[in-house]
Amino acid sequence: MQIQTTAEDHRIAWLAALAITIHVLESALPSPLPGLKPGLANVITIAVLLQFGWHMAAWVSLLRVLCGSLLLGTFLSPTFLLSLAGAACSIGMLWLACRLPGKGFGPVGYSILAALSHMTGQFILAWLLFIPHPALWRLFPVLMTAALLFGIVSGIIAGAMTREHRQCRT
């Protein structure tokens, strides 16, 4: 039995490959705090959300986390779990945001929501599983501020990439 791939399957594969490449390159950047990265691969997720819809954006995001962890040797490690938790929260928030009535948020709004959700998911999992100390919460405002700033930058880039598409498709 031969499985047929569709044009959408090929599009997801190409876009996921682009996001994975950015993810792997970004992992080489030095970080002032553990886990603090610009999240430039999320530019691809937001652009995909705006152009092709939530379903394809979810595939691209989850494939980026899975394949990126395999390439970086972090699969099933704490890094992988944190990345997966962040991606799941981010995709979940984007799913909700896409279903709100009205015209939606636009690329910067979606990107900010995704970045803040991603950081929140990672932080809560880190607190629950790895560092259940109340002092950890002192880092939360700093990390959320960084997520906000990186979300704005990513949204601007995604918006420039997708000028004709300003709403997510469900």
Protein backbone atom coordinates (compact mmCIF):
# COMPACT_ATOMS: atom_id res chain seq x y z
CA MET A 1 0.00 0.00 0.00
CA GLN A 2 1.46 3.33 -1.07
CA ILE A 3 0.75 6.43 0.98
CA GLN A 4 0.10 9.55 -1.07
CA THR A 5 1.44 12.86 0.14
CA THR A 6 -0.42 16.06 -0.54
CA ALA A 7 0.77 19.53 -1.43
CA GLU A 8 -0.04 20.52 2.16
CA ASP A 9 2.23 17.74 3.47
CA HIS A 10 5.08 19.08 1.34
CA ARG A 11 4.41 22.66 2.46
CA ILE A 12 4.44 21.60 6.13
CA ALA A 13 7.71 19.72 5.59
CA TRP A 14 9.41 22.70 3.92
CA LEU A 15 8.19 25.21 6.49
CA ALA A 16 9.10 22.90 9.38
CA ALA A 17 12.57 22.44 7.86
CA LEU A 18 12.99 26.22 7.76
CA ALA A 19 11.86 26.56 11.39
CA ILE A 20 14.14 23.68 12.45
CA THR A 21 17.12 25.29 10.70
CA ILE A 22 16.52 28.58 12.51
CA HIS A 23 16.00 26.70 15.80
CA VAL A 24 19.30 24.83 15.43
CA LEU A 25 21.23 27.96 14.41
CA GLU A 26 19.71 29.89 17.31
CA SER A 27 20.85 27.23 19.78
CA ALA A 28 24.43 28.30 19.08
CA LEU A 29 23.77 31.84 20.33
CA PRO A 30 25.06 32.67 23.82
CA SER A 31 22.36 33.34 26.43
CA PRO A 32 22.53 35.68 29.44
CA LEU A 33 20.04 33.44 31.31
CA PRO A 34 19.43 29.70 30.87
CA GLY A 35 16.65 29.12 28.35
CA LEU A 36 16.46 32.74 27.24
CA LYS A 37 16.54 32.83 23.44
CA PRO A 38 15.02 35.20 20.89
CA GLY A 39 12.73 32.46 19.53
CA LEU A 40 13.24 33.45 15.91
CA ALA A 41 11.91 30.10 14.70
CA ASN A 42 8.55 31.28 16.00
CA VAL A 43 8.54 33.87 13.20
CA ILE A 44 7.87 30.94 10.88
CA THR A 45 5.04 29.68 13.09
CA ILE A 46 3.33 33.08 13.08
CA ALA A 47 3.81 33.52 9.33
CA VAL A 48 2.35 30.04 8.75
CA LEU A 49 -0.56 30.86 11.07
CA LEU A 50 -1.37 33.99 9.08
CA GLN A 51 -0.95 32.43 5.65
CA PHE A 52 -2.13 28.85 6.06
CA GLY A 53 -3.99 28.62 9.36
CA TRP A 54 -3.69 27.19 12.82
CA HIS A 55 -3.60 23.52 11.82
CA MET A 56 -0.49 23.94 9.69
CA ALA A 57 1.13 26.26 12.26
CA ALA A 58 0.64 23.60 14.95
CA TRP A 59 2.32 20.96 12.76
CA VAL A 60 5.26 23.25 11.99
CA SER A 61 5.73 24.17 15.65
CA LEU A 62 5.55 20.61 16.97
CA LEU A 63 7.80 19.25 14.22
CA ARG A 64 10.32 22.00 14.99
CA VAL A 65 10.45 20.97 18.65
CA LEU A 66 10.65 17.24 17.93
CA CYS A 67 13.14 17.31 15.03
CA GLY A 68 15.17 20.15 16.53
CA SER A 69 15.64 18.14 19.73
CA LEU A 70 16.70 15.08 17.74
CA LEU A 71 19.28 17.13 15.79
CA LEU A 72 20.60 18.86 18.92
CA GLY A 73 20.68 15.65 20.98
CA THR A 74 18.19 16.90 23.57
CA PHE A 75 15.27 14.56 22.80
CA LEU A 76 13.45 13.54 26.03
CA SER A 77 15.79 15.73 28.09
CA PRO A 78 14.60 18.55 30.37
CA THR A 79 15.36 20.97 27.52
CA PHE A 80 13.06 19.02 25.21
CA LEU A 81 10.28 18.87 27.81
CA LEU A 82 10.50 22.60 28.44
CA SER A 83 10.47 23.35 24.72
CA LEU A 84 7.50 21.05 24.17
CA ALA A 85 5.58 22.60 27.08
CA GLY A 86 6.23 26.07 25.71
CA ALA A 87 5.20 25.11 22.18
CA ALA A 88 2.03 23.38 23.42
CA CYS A 89 0.99 26.42 25.47
CA SER A 90 1.80 28.74 22.59
CA ILE A 91 -0.15 26.71 20.03
CA GLY A 92 -3.03 26.38 22.48
CA MET A 93 -3.17 30.14 23.01
CA LEU A 94 -3.02 30.77 19.25
CA TRP A 95 -5.89 28.31 18.78
CA LEU A 96 -7.98 30.30 21.26
CA ALA A 97 -6.95 33.65 19.78
CA CYS A 98 -7.88 32.56 16.26
CA ARG A 99 -11.37 31.71 17.40
CA LEU A 100 -12.15 35.06 19.01
CA PRO A 101 -14.73 37.15 17.18
CA GLY A 102 -13.56 40.14 15.17
CA LYS A 103 -10.57 40.71 12.96
CA GLY A 104 -8.01 39.09 15.22
CA PHE A 105 -4.73 40.37 16.57
CA GLY A 106 -2.44 40.68 13.57
CA PRO A 107 1.12 39.38 13.43
CA VAL A 108 2.51 41.35 16.39
CA GLY A 109 -0.44 40.50 18.61
CA TYR A 110 -0.31 36.81 17.79
CA SER A 111 3.44 36.78 18.25
CA ILE A 112 3.22 38.45 21.67
CA LEU A 113 0.53 35.98 22.77
CA ALA A 114 2.64 33.07 21.54
CA ALA A 115 5.84 34.33 23.21
CA LEU A 116 4.18 35.02 26.57
CA SER A 117 2.37 31.67 26.50
CA HIS A 118 5.56 29.86 25.53
CA MET A 119 7.49 31.40 28.41
CA THR A 120 4.65 30.75 30.87
CA GLY A 121 4.42 27.09 29.87
CA GLN A 122 8.16 26.62 30.18
CA PHE A 123 8.35 28.44 33.49
CA ILE A 124 5.48 26.53 35.11
CA LEU A 125 6.91 23.18 34.00
CA ALA A 126 10.36 24.18 35.27
CA TRP A 127 8.85 25.14 38.61
CA LEU A 128 6.72 21.98 38.88
CA LEU A 129 9.33 19.43 37.78
CA PHE A 130 12.82 20.84 38.21
CA ILE A 131 13.09 23.83 40.57
CA PRO A 132 10.08 23.97 42.93
CA HIS A 133 11.52 26.85 44.95
CA PRO A 134 9.56 30.06 45.58
CA ALA A 135 12.59 32.20 44.72
CA LEU A 136 12.33 31.02 41.12
CA TRP A 137 9.28 33.26 40.73
CA ARG A 138 11.57 36.29 41.05
CA LEU A 139 12.82 35.48 37.54
CA PHE A 140 9.32 35.35 36.08
CA PRO A 141 8.90 39.13 35.46
CA VAL A 142 12.34 39.32 33.83
CA LEU A 143 11.61 36.34 31.56
CA MET A 144 8.15 37.65 30.66
CA THR A 145 9.61 41.05 29.79
CA ALA A 146 12.14 39.36 27.51
CA ALA A 147 9.34 37.26 25.97
CA LEU A 148 7.31 40.42 25.34
CA LEU A 149 10.23 42.16 23.62
CA PHE A 150 11.16 39.10 21.54
CA GLY A 151 7.47 38.61 20.69
CA ILE A 152 7.25 42.16 19.36
CA VAL A 153 10.36 41.71 17.21
CA SER A 154 9.19 38.34 15.88
CA GLY A 155 5.76 39.76 15.11
CA ILE A 156 7.24 42.65 13.16
CA ILE A 157 9.35 40.22 11.12
CA ALA A 158 6.39 37.88 10.53
CA GLY A 159 4.25 40.85 9.54
CA ALA A 160 6.83 41.98 7.00
CA MET A 161 6.88 38.45 5.57
CA THR A 162 3.08 38.25 5.26
CA ARG A 163 1.88 41.69 4.24
CA GLU A 164 -1.28 40.45 2.49
CA HIS A 165 -2.36 38.11 5.30
CA ARG A 166 -3.20 39.87 8.55
CA GLN A 167 -5.57 37.36 10.15
CA CYS A 168 -5.09 33.76 11.13
CA ARG A 169 -7.14 31.19 9.34
CA THR A 170 -8.90 28.52 11.32
